[in-house]
Amino acid sequence: MVSHYHDRLARYLCNLLGYRIASLNSQVRTQKKRESELLEINSLLDIRGKQLEEKSKTDSLTGAFNREGIEEAIRIDLWEWRSQKKPLSLILIDIDHFKKINDEHGHALGDNVLSTLSNIVKQHIRTNDIFARWGGEEFVLVCIDTKIEQASLIAEKTREIIANFSFTDNIHVTASFGVATLDANETLEQLFNNADKALYEAKNQGRNKVVVADYL
């Protein structure tokens, strides 16, 4: 009788233990699933956060950096220029007679010219250069660790690519370029002013030209 009781108790304990193990296994699987889901959610949130951050720093029409994005990048490059003495050059690009394009062909085609030109430039610049839409039909190209002579060659190559490209409806577009480099005693504002003066001179000389500030 006692032996039968012990057998029943052993089976009961085995069943209870089996149930407990199964329950714990289920809890572990549930916990792992929740952890996996949490990791996935966090990953999606990180990606989304980066997309939002990227969106806030890029121009919605052209996909190039906007002013906020380029200003942040320039601050980093300016630190490298000051601490490591790496040359920093700037190219301002302005589409010639852009108002005429909008007036004659409509703003939709004008927007297409802006986005297409942006894509052209981004495809042909170096990976460490930074390209941004500065406003309207004006763009800026920051050339990192680049002396003025090399920046001038980059500007001339970009000018030729744009001038020889056939845009929508077989429209041909040209652009004017102002190039400047940051000297030891200059501020960032002076760098932009020098590039802007060079750009104005390029337009004054008939447009579709590259003018370097140092040579004025």
Foldseek 3Di string as FASTA:
>chain_A
DVVVVVVVVVVVVVVVVVVVVVVVVVVVVVVVVVVVVVVVVVVVVVVVVVVVVQVVQADPLQRAGEPVNVVVVVVVLVVCCVPVVQKKKKKKKAWPPLVVCCVPPNVVLSSQLQNVLSVQLVVPDDPPKGKGAHDDRMIMIMDHSDDQVVVLVSVLVSQVSQQPDQGPPRDGIGMFMFMEIDDPPDDPVVNVVLSVVQRVVCVVVPGSYYGYSVVD
